Amino acid sequence: MKLENYVTPERLVEYREVFDSFDPERKGKIPCENLLTALRKLALMPANCEFEELLRSVDTNNNISSEGVSYEQFCQIASKKEKGVYNEQDILNAFSLIDSEGRGYVTTDELKQLLCNRGDKLSEGEISALIRTAKATGSGQIDYKTFVNRMMSRN
């Protein structure tokens, strides 16, 4: 992932300043336990489950917890959170957690509850617009595979 495709040069400077503030000895890594606080200094507020997923997405060698997070990994995590860079499968996996019975749909009430109570909370207007885009059936069911496909094709 080329960061310059997702993050402005000014924002990269902010990433560096925050990273350096958590790496005062200039070891090139910040401890994992400081990562969430560092992201919050950038005004990025991932939910705990989202934070864990972001961490896993850059932990290719399964060593972040013991070795810490490099500047490059920090930038990848921050830019993913900032720009919402998730692929279609990531989003489908999130919906499948809600759809524990494997029905292939979620209800508008389930989606509203999720959007109101998890991660970056959306306003009522944003939620209504999203549900209109989802095109729920008359019984309030949203085929989330179709919905995710529709949302991803807009980008």
Protein backbone atom coordinates (compact mmCIF):
# COMPACT_ATOMS: atom_id res chain seq x y z
CA MET A 1 0.00 0.00 0.00
CA LYS A 2 1.46 3.34 -1.01
CA LEU A 3 0.59 5.80 1.70
CA GLU A 4 0.83 8.79 -0.61
CA ASN A 5 -2.24 7.43 -2.40
CA TYR A 6 -4.28 7.70 0.80
CA VAL A 7 -2.70 10.31 3.07
CA THR A 8 -1.72 13.92 2.46
CA PRO A 9 1.89 14.96 3.09
CA GLU A 10 0.67 17.16 5.95
CA ARG A 11 -1.05 14.22 7.59
CA LEU A 12 2.10 12.11 7.23
CA VAL A 13 3.95 14.79 9.19
CA GLU A 14 1.32 14.45 11.93
CA TYR A 15 1.75 10.66 11.88
CA ARG A 16 5.51 11.09 12.32
CA GLU A 17 5.12 13.58 15.20
CA VAL A 18 2.72 11.32 17.08
CA PHE A 19 4.82 8.21 16.43
CA ASP A 20 7.98 9.98 17.62
CA SER A 21 6.23 11.15 20.78
CA PHE A 22 5.68 7.47 21.69
CA ASP A 23 9.22 6.51 20.63
CA PRO A 24 11.36 8.94 22.66
CA GLU A 25 14.42 6.68 22.55
CA ARG A 26 14.17 6.48 18.73
CA LYS A 27 14.12 2.69 18.61
CA GLY A 28 11.87 2.75 15.54
CA LYS A 29 9.02 0.95 17.32
CA ILE A 30 6.29 1.90 19.72
CA PRO A 31 4.90 -0.60 22.22
CA CYS A 32 1.62 -2.19 21.24
CA GLU A 33 -0.02 -1.03 24.46
CA ASN A 34 0.57 2.63 23.39
CA LEU A 35 -0.84 2.24 19.90
CA LEU A 36 -4.47 2.97 20.73
CA THR A 37 -3.48 6.13 22.62
CA ALA A 38 -1.31 7.19 19.67
CA LEU A 39 -4.22 6.74 17.26
CA ARG A 40 -6.42 8.79 19.55
CA LYS A 41 -3.86 11.62 19.44
CA LEU A 42 -4.55 11.65 15.70
CA ALA A 43 -8.29 11.89 16.50
CA LEU A 44 -8.81 8.33 15.26
CA MET A 45 -11.08 6.40 17.59
CA PRO A 46 -11.29 2.75 16.58
CA ALA A 47 -13.54 0.46 18.58
CA ASN A 48 -11.67 -2.32 20.39
CA CYS A 49 -12.68 -5.01 17.90
CA GLU A 50 -11.78 -2.74 14.99
CA PHE A 51 -8.44 -1.92 16.63
CA GLU A 52 -7.61 -5.61 16.93
CA GLU A 53 -8.49 -6.17 13.28
CA LEU A 54 -6.36 -3.20 12.19
CA LEU A 55 -3.47 -4.58 14.21
CA ARG A 56 -3.82 -8.05 12.68
CA SER A 57 -3.93 -6.55 9.18
CA VAL A 58 -0.33 -5.33 9.46
CA ASP A 59 1.08 -8.05 11.73
CA THR A 60 2.32 -10.29 8.93
CA ASN A 61 4.96 -12.01 11.08
CA ASN A 62 2.84 -12.36 14.25
CA ASN A 63 5.39 -10.37 16.23
CA ILE A 64 3.85 -6.96 16.87
CA SER A 65 2.77 -7.79 20.41
CA SER A 66 6.33 -8.65 21.43
CA GLU A 67 8.34 -6.28 19.22
CA GLY A 68 6.07 -3.26 18.91
CA VAL A 69 4.80 -1.34 15.90
CA SER A 70 7.13 0.18 13.31
CA TYR A 71 6.49 3.60 11.79
CA GLU A 72 5.43 1.99 8.52
CA GLN A 73 2.95 -0.29 10.32
CA PHE A 74 1.69 2.67 12.36
CA CYS A 75 1.03 4.62 9.16
CA GLN A 76 -0.76 1.67 7.58
CA ILE A 77 -3.00 1.26 10.63
CA ALA A 78 -3.73 4.98 10.92
CA SER A 79 -4.46 5.43 7.23
CA LYS A 80 -6.74 2.37 7.15
CA LYS A 81 -8.73 3.77 10.05
CA GLU A 82 -8.71 7.27 8.66
CA LYS A 83 -9.79 6.39 5.16
CA GLY A 84 -11.88 3.36 6.00
CA VAL A 85 -9.80 1.20 3.68
CA TYR A 86 -11.42 -2.17 4.04
CA ASN A 87 -11.94 -4.66 1.31
CA GLU A 88 -15.25 -6.27 0.53
CA GLN A 89 -14.37 -9.47 2.38
CA ASP A 90 -13.51 -7.55 5.57
CA ILE A 91 -16.94 -5.95 5.55
CA LEU A 92 -18.74 -9.20 4.77
CA ASN A 93 -16.90 -10.83 7.67
CA ALA A 94 -18.15 -8.08 9.97
CA PHE A 95 -21.74 -8.62 8.80
CA SER A 96 -21.40 -12.38 9.28
CA LEU A 97 -20.60 -11.74 12.95
CA ILE A 98 -23.98 -10.03 13.29
CA ASP A 99 -25.65 -12.75 11.25
CA SER A 100 -24.64 -15.59 13.56
CA GLU A 101 -27.38 -17.83 12.14
CA GLY A 102 -26.06 -17.52 8.56
CA ARG A 103 -29.32 -16.15 7.17
CA GLY A 104 -27.60 -13.92 4.59
CA TYR A 105 -29.37 -10.84 5.86
CA VAL A 106 -29.54 -8.47 8.80
CA THR A 107 -32.58 -6.52 9.85
CA THR A 108 -32.76 -2.75 9.71
CA ASP A 109 -33.05 -2.77 13.51
CA GLU A 110 -29.84 -4.83 13.84
CA LEU A 111 -28.04 -2.46 11.48
CA LYS A 112 -29.32 0.62 13.33
CA GLN A 113 -28.21 -0.79 16.66
CA LEU A 114 -24.77 -1.59 15.30
CA LEU A 115 -24.31 1.85 13.75
CA CYS A 116 -25.54 3.65 16.88
CA ASN A 117 -23.54 1.69 19.43
CA ARG A 118 -20.25 0.58 17.88
CA GLY A 119 -17.11 2.32 16.61
CA ASP A 120 -17.62 5.75 15.10
CA LYS A 121 -21.26 6.44 15.85
CA LEU A 122 -23.37 7.78 13.00
CA SER A 123 -26.11 10.38 13.21
CA GLU A 124 -29.77 9.41 12.70
CA GLY A 125 -29.67 11.10 9.27
CA GLU A 126 -26.58 9.14 8.23
CA ILE A 127 -28.13 5.90 9.44
CA SER A 128 -31.38 6.58 7.57
CA ALA A 129 -29.46 7.34 4.36
CA LEU A 130 -27.44 4.17 4.72
CA ILE A 131 -30.55 2.06 5.27
CA ARG A 132 -32.22 3.64 2.23
CA THR A 133 -29.13 2.69 0.20
CA ALA A 134 -29.37 -0.84 1.58
CA LYS A 135 -32.84 -1.22 0.06
CA ALA A 136 -34.37 -3.34 2.78
CA THR A 137 -37.24 -5.66 1.93
CA GLY A 138 -40.75 -4.90 3.13
CA SER A 139 -40.06 -6.97 6.24
CA GLY A 140 -36.97 -4.92 7.07
CA GLN A 141 -34.35 -7.41 5.89
CA ILE A 142 -31.11 -6.30 4.22
CA ASP A 143 -29.24 -8.76 2.02
CA TYR A 144 -25.81 -7.69 3.20
CA LYS A 145 -23.85 -9.26 0.34
CA THR A 146 -25.80 -7.18 -2.16
CA PHE A 147 -25.55 -4.12 0.08
CA VAL A 148 -21.77 -4.40 0.51
CA ASN A 149 -21.33 -4.97 -3.22
CA ARG A 150 -23.41 -1.87 -3.94
CA MET A 151 -21.43 0.25 -1.46
CA MET A 152 -18.03 -0.97 -2.72
CA SER A 153 -18.92 -0.27 -6.35
CA ARG A 154 -19.61 3.40 -5.46
CA ASN A 155 -15.93 4.03 -4.71
